[in-house]
Amino acid sequence: MSSTYPQHEFKPDASLPMREQAAAYVQSLQRHICAALESVENGPSPSDSASGSQVKFVPDPHIRPNNTGFGITSTLRGGKHIEKAGVAVSIVVGSLGPAAVQQMKANHKEIKYDPASGESLPFFVAGISLIVHPCNPMAPTVHMNYRYFELCESAPMDTTGSESAEFKVPKATGKRTTWWFGGGCDLTPSYVFPEDAKHFHRTIKDVCDAHCTGFYDPFKAWCDEYFYIPHRQEGRGLGGIFFDDLSAHAHPRLPSEANGHSETATRATTPEGLFEFMRACGNAFLPSYLPILQRRVDMPFTDEERRWQLVRRGRYVEFNLMYDRGTKFGLMAPGARIESILVSLPETACWEYCTDMGKEGTREGELVALLKTPRAWV
């Protein structure tokens, strides 16, 4: 199976507000990733499809009332290589009440807000998230998401275009008071192939190092910390990177900025510079994952190995429903689109009472040991 695929070509329009640039980028990246995954599933051309029929992503666009949001959840199901994949973009405009703003101030001291005013502050977020659950137990599950967030001064919300069938990113009606980028990606195998983990982490580290040599190590540690299942005392997978609240201000997770002074930063501190970093991370998804997927999807496997894959997927479900902040926030949000929130879950999983799989000295046990004690891959 060929490991070549087109690079993502996206040139931001610097004349547009950052919110519009971010919204355009996540939609462009979604189309690019869906096309590449379809190529893996079906072959580069229709003649490469063994069955003669193509399995495609099905886009499900939706517009929130009063022009307050737009999204496209694209799903691929029942393929010969990919059991389920979901690639979703979400663009949301809303307002944060006093309690939410106060909570946000804990990580963003620059927010000027008087809780006694009782005012709500407008926010905007544009993000992309994806999950791929392959059929073959030798091929790992992968997750990725990147987003841009901004908060503005209190002002009436712009609902221009609310009667239109197409979503228009509303202009900010108040001055932007704070902004940041967040996201990450992580690999969740059922069986360990060290060369796969090394390739995944090396690709991500190269992107991080190109923008700041101080990014990868703390973001990798943050990923291991975040994707942890306390009641199982193990990680969800073999990690990757995770970051949030990356802006012009000093970041407590970055050693060079731990003193609280952003002047010591050795990285971009502008929206444009950090948007470039986010795009580089998003564009690195296919180079980090596709070669792994392509070399594993046709490997032979046994019923017992499939059984172990389903047990591990059960752990995946446990984390997503019990601990993932994005899932919990989405389920509690008014007007939540439940199908889009739960698109990350596998279609098949199992829970065995006191499973006998995963014992020391087995291939399954090799994975469990790594999940309990994360290691450096690069």
Protein backbone atom coordinates (compact mmCIF):
# COMPACT_ATOMS: atom_id res chain seq x y z
CA MET A 1 0.00 0.00 0.00
CA SER A 2 1.44 3.37 -1.00
CA SER A 3 2.46 5.77 1.78
CA THR A 4 2.33 8.87 -0.40
CA TYR A 5 -0.38 11.47 0.03
CA PRO A 6 -0.75 15.12 -0.94
CA GLN A 7 0.39 17.75 1.53
CA HIS A 8 -2.20 20.08 2.94
CA GLU A 9 -2.08 23.38 1.08
CA PHE A 10 -3.63 26.26 3.01
CA LYS A 11 -2.59 29.89 2.86
CA PRO A 12 -4.28 32.05 5.49
CA ASP A 13 -5.73 35.38 4.42
CA ALA A 14 -3.94 37.78 6.75
CA SER A 15 -6.45 40.52 5.93
CA LEU A 16 -9.17 38.59 7.81
CA PRO A 17 -9.67 38.52 11.59
CA MET A 18 -8.00 35.55 13.29
CA ARG A 19 -11.40 33.95 14.01
CA GLU A 20 -12.16 33.79 10.29
CA GLN A 21 -8.69 32.46 9.44
CA ALA A 22 -9.03 29.72 12.06
CA ALA A 23 -12.53 28.79 10.87
CA ALA A 24 -11.31 28.52 7.27
CA TYR A 25 -8.32 26.41 8.26
CA VAL A 26 -10.16 23.75 10.27
CA GLN A 27 -12.66 23.26 7.44
CA SER A 28 -9.87 22.95 4.88
CA LEU A 29 -7.97 20.46 7.05
CA GLN A 30 -11.11 18.40 7.56
CA ARG A 31 -11.60 18.00 3.81
CA HIS A 32 -7.93 17.10 3.35
CA ILE A 33 -7.86 14.45 6.08
CA CYS A 34 -11.13 12.87 4.97
CA ALA A 35 -9.81 12.54 1.41
CA ALA A 36 -6.57 10.93 2.62
CA LEU A 37 -8.34 8.43 4.87
CA GLU A 38 -10.73 7.53 2.04
CA SER A 39 -7.68 6.84 -0.10
CA VAL A 40 -6.35 4.40 2.50
CA GLU A 41 -9.74 2.71 2.75
CA ASN A 42 -10.49 2.48 -0.95
CA GLY A 43 -7.14 2.85 -2.69
CA PRO A 44 -5.92 5.95 -4.54
CA SER A 45 -8.35 5.34 -7.40
CA PRO A 46 -11.70 3.54 -7.83
CA SER A 47 -9.98 0.65 -9.62
CA ASP A 48 -7.99 -0.08 -6.44
CA SER A 49 -11.12 -0.92 -4.44
CA ALA A 50 -11.28 -4.69 -4.02
CA SER A 51 -15.03 -4.74 -3.65
CA GLY A 52 -15.70 -2.27 -6.44
CA SER A 53 -17.69 -0.05 -4.10
CA GLN A 54 -16.20 2.92 -2.30
CA VAL A 55 -16.64 3.59 1.41
CA LYS A 56 -16.85 7.35 1.85
CA PHE A 57 -17.10 9.91 4.60
CA VAL A 58 -20.66 11.14 5.01
CA PRO A 59 -20.74 14.84 5.98
CA ASP A 60 -23.46 16.00 8.36
CA PRO A 61 -23.52 19.83 8.42
CA HIS A 62 -25.53 21.71 10.99
CA ILE A 63 -26.14 25.37 11.80
CA ARG A 64 -27.03 26.53 15.30
CA PRO A 65 -29.96 28.94 15.75
CA ASN A 66 -29.39 32.67 15.26
CA ASN A 67 -26.05 32.18 13.54
CA THR A 68 -24.42 31.14 16.82
CA GLY A 69 -22.56 28.19 15.41
CA PHE A 70 -21.81 25.85 12.59
CA GLY A 71 -20.32 22.40 12.32
CA ILE A 72 -19.70 19.48 10.00
CA THR A 73 -19.40 16.00 11.47
CA SER A 74 -18.07 13.65 8.79
CA THR A 75 -18.13 9.94 9.53
CA LEU A 76 -16.86 6.83 7.76
CA ARG A 77 -18.22 3.47 8.89
CA GLY A 78 -17.93 -0.18 8.00
CA GLY A 79 -14.80 -0.10 5.88
CA LYS A 80 -12.47 -3.01 5.27
CA HIS A 81 -9.62 -1.13 7.00
CA ILE A 82 -11.40 1.53 9.05
CA GLU A 83 -14.25 0.36 11.26
CA LYS A 84 -15.19 3.92 12.21
CA ALA A 85 -13.70 7.37 11.75
CA GLY A 86 -15.10 10.75 12.65
CA VAL A 87 -13.67 14.11 11.60
CA ALA A 88 -15.60 17.07 12.97
CA VAL A 89 -15.27 20.84 12.80
CA SER A 90 -17.10 23.12 15.17
CA ILE A 91 -17.39 26.90 15.06
CA VAL A 92 -19.30 28.37 17.97
CA VAL A 93 -20.23 31.88 19.05
CA GLY A 94 -21.77 32.32 22.48
CA SER A 95 -21.50 34.05 25.82
CA LEU A 96 -19.94 33.07 29.14
CA GLY A 97 -21.75 33.90 32.36
CA PRO A 98 -20.06 35.32 35.48
CA ALA A 99 -19.21 31.93 37.01
CA ALA A 100 -17.58 30.67 33.80
CA VAL A 101 -15.60 33.89 33.36
CA GLN A 102 -14.36 33.74 36.95
CA GLN A 103 -13.23 30.16 36.42
CA MET A 104 -11.44 31.15 33.22
CA LYS A 105 -9.59 33.95 35.01
CA ALA A 106 -7.69 31.34 37.01
CA ASN A 107 -5.59 30.59 33.92
CA HIS A 108 -5.97 34.00 32.28
CA LYS A 109 -5.14 36.78 34.70
CA GLU A 110 -5.32 39.28 31.83
CA ILE A 111 -9.12 39.06 31.75
CA LYS A 112 -10.51 42.26 33.25
CA TYR A 113 -13.88 41.46 34.71
CA ASP A 114 -15.99 42.58 37.64
CA PRO A 115 -18.15 39.65 38.77
CA ALA A 116 -20.49 42.09 40.48
CA SER A 117 -21.49 43.42 37.05
CA GLY A 118 -23.28 40.17 36.27
CA GLU A 119 -22.36 40.64 32.61
CA SER A 120 -21.79 37.80 30.18
CA LEU A 121 -18.81 37.98 27.83
CA PRO A 122 -18.94 36.92 24.15
CA PHE A 123 -16.65 34.09 23.07
CA PHE A 124 -15.69 32.43 19.81
CA VAL A 125 -14.12 29.04 19.21
CA ALA A 126 -13.14 27.21 16.02
CA GLY A 127 -11.82 23.67 16.26
CA ILE A 128 -11.28 20.35 14.55
CA SER A 129 -11.33 16.95 16.21
CA LEU A 130 -10.98 13.44 14.85
CA ILE A 131 -10.84 9.82 15.84
CA VAL A 132 -9.93 6.75 13.77
CA HIS A 133 -10.77 3.22 14.96
CA PRO A 134 -9.20 0.70 12.53
CA CYS A 135 -10.52 -2.82 12.04
CA ASN A 136 -7.18 -4.57 12.49
CA PRO A 137 -6.01 -4.94 16.12
CA MET A 138 -2.45 -4.30 14.92
CA ALA A 139 -3.41 -0.82 13.71
CA PRO A 140 -3.70 1.78 16.49
CA THR A 141 -6.57 4.11 17.22
CA VAL A 142 -5.63 7.78 16.91
CA HIS A 143 -7.16 11.00 18.23
CA MET A 144 -6.43 14.61 17.31
CA ASN A 145 -7.94 18.02 18.06
CA TYR A 146 -6.85 21.64 17.64
CA ARG A 147 -8.74 24.84 18.40
CA TYR A 148 -8.61 28.62 18.62
CA PHE A 149 -10.52 30.48 21.35
CA GLU A 150 -11.12 34.18 21.92
CA LEU A 151 -13.02 36.19 24.51
CA CYS A 152 -14.33 39.72 23.87
CA GLU A 153 -15.65 42.64 25.85
CA SER A 154 -19.33 42.64 26.65
CA ALA A 155 -21.36 43.69 23.62
CA PRO A 156 -24.52 42.65 21.77
CA MET A 157 -23.96 39.44 19.81
CA ASP A 158 -23.76 39.74 16.04
CA THR A 159 -26.35 37.39 14.53
CA THR A 160 -25.92 38.62 10.97
CA GLY A 161 -26.87 35.92 8.53
CA SER A 162 -29.09 34.05 10.96
CA GLU A 163 -31.76 33.62 8.27
CA SER A 164 -29.27 32.33 5.73
CA ALA A 165 -28.80 28.67 4.87
CA GLU A 166 -25.03 29.26 5.07
CA PHE A 167 -23.14 30.09 8.22
CA LYS A 168 -21.17 33.32 8.29
CA VAL A 169 -18.54 33.79 10.98
CA PRO A 170 -19.87 36.79 12.93
CA LYS A 171 -17.62 39.78 13.39
CA ALA A 172 -16.52 40.50 16.95
CA THR A 173 -18.81 43.21 18.31
CA GLY A 174 -16.55 43.99 21.27
CA LYS A 175 -12.79 44.31 21.61
CA ARG A 176 -10.94 40.99 21.85
CA THR A 177 -9.63 40.80 25.41
CA THR A 178 -7.91 37.43 25.39
CA TRP A 179 -7.21 34.54 23.03
CA TRP A 180 -5.38 31.21 23.02
CA PHE A 181 -4.73 28.00 21.14
CA GLY A 182 -5.02 24.43 22.38
CA GLY A 183 -5.10 20.86 21.21
CA GLY A 184 -3.02 17.75 20.75
CA CYS A 185 -2.88 14.25 19.34
CA ASP A 186 -2.29 10.82 20.83
CA LEU A 187 -1.86 7.20 19.75
CA THR A 188 -3.77 4.30 21.34
CA PRO A 189 -2.61 0.87 20.15
CA SER A 190 -3.81 -2.54 21.24
CA TYR A 191 -0.43 -4.07 20.40
CA VAL A 192 2.93 -2.37 20.76
CA PHE A 193 5.16 -1.80 17.77
CA PRO A 194 7.98 0.43 19.09
CA GLU A 195 8.77 1.70 15.60
CA ASP A 196 5.21 3.02 15.30
CA ALA A 197 5.35 4.92 18.58
CA LYS A 198 8.78 6.30 17.72
CA HIS A 199 7.60 7.49 14.30
CA PHE A 200 4.49 9.12 15.75
CA HIS A 201 6.38 10.94 18.49
CA ARG A 202 9.31 11.88 16.24
CA THR A 203 7.01 13.49 13.69
CA ILE A 204 5.27 15.51 16.40
CA LYS A 205 8.54 16.46 18.10
CA ASP A 206 10.00 17.72 14.83
CA VAL A 207 7.02 20.05 14.43
CA CYS A 208 7.30 21.26 18.01
CA ASP A 209 11.05 21.81 17.76
CA ALA A 210 10.65 23.83 14.57
CA HIS A 211 8.59 26.35 16.55
CA CYS A 212 10.10 26.07 20.03
CA THR A 213 12.53 23.49 21.41
CA GLY A 214 10.78 23.86 24.75
CA PHE A 215 7.39 22.63 23.52
CA TYR A 216 7.64 18.86 23.09
CA ASP A 217 8.76 17.62 26.52
CA PRO A 218 6.19 19.53 28.63
CA PHE A 219 3.41 18.90 26.10
CA LYS A 220 4.27 15.18 26.01
CA ALA A 221 4.20 15.03 29.81
CA TRP A 222 0.89 16.93 29.84
CA CYS A 223 -0.55 14.39 27.40
CA ASP A 224 0.49 11.45 29.60
CA GLU A 225 -1.06 13.23 32.57
CA TYR A 226 -4.31 14.15 30.82
CA PHE A 227 -5.06 10.83 29.11
CA TYR A 228 -4.90 8.84 32.33
CA ILE A 229 -7.61 6.53 33.71
CA PRO A 230 -7.38 6.84 37.51
CA HIS A 231 -9.62 3.90 38.40
CA ARG A 232 -7.54 1.63 36.13
CA GLN A 233 -4.24 3.25 37.12
CA GLU A 234 -3.11 3.28 33.52
CA GLY A 235 -2.89 5.64 30.58
CA ARG A 236 -5.31 5.52 27.68
CA GLY A 237 -2.52 5.00 25.17
CA LEU A 238 1.11 5.76 24.31
CA GLY A 239 0.63 9.50 24.33
CA GLY A 240 1.59 12.30 22.00
CA ILE A 241 1.19 15.97 22.91
CA PHE A 242 -1.45 18.01 24.71
CA PHE A 243 -1.56 21.75 25.36
CA ASP A 244 -4.05 24.46 26.22
CA ASP A 245 -4.13 28.19 26.98
CA LEU A 246 -1.16 28.90 24.68
CA SER A 247 -1.12 32.66 24.16
CA ALA A 248 1.08 35.74 24.50
CA HIS A 249 1.23 35.32 28.26
CA ALA A 250 3.65 33.26 30.31
CA HIS A 251 2.64 29.60 30.43
CA PRO A 252 3.23 27.69 33.69
CA ARG A 253 3.84 24.43 31.81
CA LEU A 254 6.80 25.85 29.90
CA PRO A 255 10.00 25.81 32.00
CA SER A 256 11.36 29.01 30.45
CA GLU A 257 8.18 30.84 31.49
CA ALA A 258 7.54 29.23 34.86
CA ASN A 259 8.62 32.45 36.59
CA GLY A 260 5.52 34.11 35.18
CA HIS A 261 7.36 36.36 32.74
CA SER A 262 6.54 35.91 29.06
CA GLU A 263 9.58 38.04 28.21
CA THR A 264 11.68 34.90 28.73
CA ALA A 265 9.67 33.02 26.10
CA THR A 266 11.63 31.46 23.24
CA ARG A 267 8.53 30.98 21.13
CA ALA A 268 5.95 32.90 19.14
CA THR A 269 3.67 35.01 21.32
CA THR A 270 1.43 36.56 18.66
CA PRO A 271 -1.86 35.12 17.38
CA GLU A 272 -0.31 34.84 13.92
CA GLY A 273 2.77 33.00 15.17
CA LEU A 274 0.84 30.54 17.31
CA PHE A 275 -1.71 30.02 14.53
CA GLU A 276 1.24 28.94 12.40
CA PHE A 277 2.19 26.43 15.11
CA MET A 278 -1.37 25.10 15.29
CA ARG A 279 -1.46 24.67 11.51
CA ALA A 280 1.88 22.86 11.55
CA CYS A 281 0.52 20.45 14.18
CA GLY A 282 -2.67 19.88 12.22
CA ASN A 283 -0.78 19.37 8.98
CA ALA A 284 1.50 16.83 10.71
CA PHE A 285 -1.38 14.49 11.51
CA LEU A 286 -1.27 12.52 8.25
CA PRO A 287 2.56 12.19 8.18
CA SER A 288 2.49 11.00 11.80
CA TYR A 289 -0.30 8.44 11.45
CA LEU A 290 -0.89 7.34 7.88
CA PRO A 291 2.39 5.39 7.45
CA ILE A 292 1.53 3.45 10.62
CA LEU A 293 -2.01 2.72 9.48
CA GLN A 294 -0.87 1.67 6.02
CA ARG A 295 1.68 -0.85 7.25
CA ARG A 296 -0.69 -2.46 9.80
CA VAL A 297 -4.12 -2.68 8.15
CA ASP A 298 -3.36 -5.86 6.18
CA MET A 299 -1.51 -7.75 8.92
CA PRO A 300 -2.97 -11.14 9.92
CA PHE A 301 -4.60 -11.37 13.36
CA THR A 302 -6.40 -13.94 15.50
CA ASP A 303 -9.75 -13.96 17.25
CA GLU A 304 -7.92 -13.55 20.57
CA GLU A 305 -6.16 -10.44 19.29
CA ARG A 306 -9.48 -9.03 18.16
CA ARG A 307 -10.84 -9.82 21.63
CA TRP A 308 -8.02 -7.82 23.22
CA GLN A 309 -8.70 -4.90 20.89
CA LEU A 310 -12.31 -4.80 22.11
CA VAL A 311 -11.20 -4.91 25.76
CA ARG A 312 -8.87 -1.97 25.13
CA ARG A 313 -11.67 -0.08 23.40
CA GLY A 314 -13.68 -0.53 26.57
CA ARG A 315 -10.96 1.40 28.40
CA TYR A 316 -11.17 4.07 25.71
CA VAL A 317 -14.90 4.46 26.34
CA GLU A 318 -14.32 4.67 30.09
CA PHE A 319 -11.91 7.57 29.72
CA ASN A 320 -14.02 9.49 27.23
CA LEU A 321 -17.23 9.29 29.23
CA MET A 322 -15.78 9.65 32.72
CA TYR A 323 -12.78 11.96 32.43
CA ASP A 324 -12.51 13.76 29.11
CA ARG A 325 -13.20 17.44 29.78
CA GLY A 326 -14.39 18.16 26.25
CA THR A 327 -16.95 15.35 26.34
CA LYS A 328 -18.22 16.31 29.80
CA PHE A 329 -18.48 19.98 28.85
CA GLY A 330 -20.30 19.15 25.63
CA LEU A 331 -22.83 16.88 27.30
CA MET A 332 -23.69 19.58 29.84
CA ALA A 333 -23.88 22.47 27.36
CA PRO A 334 -27.35 23.79 26.45
CA GLY A 335 -28.41 22.67 22.99
CA ALA A 336 -25.61 20.11 22.83
CA ARG A 337 -25.40 18.02 19.67
CA ILE A 338 -25.02 14.64 21.33
CA GLU A 339 -24.25 12.63 18.19
CA SER A 340 -21.29 14.88 17.38
CA ILE A 341 -20.00 14.77 20.95
CA LEU A 342 -20.07 10.96 21.08
CA VAL A 343 -18.72 10.40 17.57
CA SER A 344 -15.34 9.56 19.13
CA LEU A 345 -16.66 6.33 20.66
CA PRO A 346 -15.97 3.02 18.89
CA GLU A 347 -18.93 1.11 17.50
CA THR A 348 -17.77 -2.11 19.15
CA ALA A 349 -16.13 -2.58 22.56
CA CYS A 350 -16.36 -5.04 25.44
CA TRP A 351 -15.93 -5.30 29.19
CA GLU A 352 -14.79 -8.67 30.51
CA TYR A 353 -15.22 -9.38 34.19
CA CYS A 354 -11.70 -9.90 35.59
CA THR A 355 -10.27 -10.49 32.11
CA ASP A 356 -7.44 -12.99 31.91
CA MET A 357 -5.74 -10.99 29.16
CA GLY A 358 -2.90 -8.55 29.76
CA LYS A 359 -0.73 -10.75 31.98
CA GLU A 360 3.00 -10.17 32.32
CA GLY A 361 5.05 -11.95 29.69
CA THR A 362 2.40 -11.68 26.96
CA ARG A 363 2.14 -9.18 24.11
CA GLU A 364 -0.95 -7.81 25.79
CA GLY A 365 1.00 -7.45 29.02
CA GLU A 366 3.67 -5.50 27.17
CA LEU A 367 1.10 -2.82 26.40
CA VAL A 368 -0.25 -2.77 29.97
CA ALA A 369 3.26 -2.21 31.35
CA LEU A 370 3.76 0.80 29.09
CA LEU A 371 0.36 2.21 30.02
CA LYS A 372 1.28 2.07 33.70
CA THR A 373 4.76 3.56 33.23
CA PRO A 374 4.96 5.98 30.27
CA ARG A 375 8.31 6.08 28.49
CA ALA A 376 10.20 8.49 26.29
CA TRP A 377 9.95 7.46 22.63
CA VAL A 378 12.36 10.01 21.15
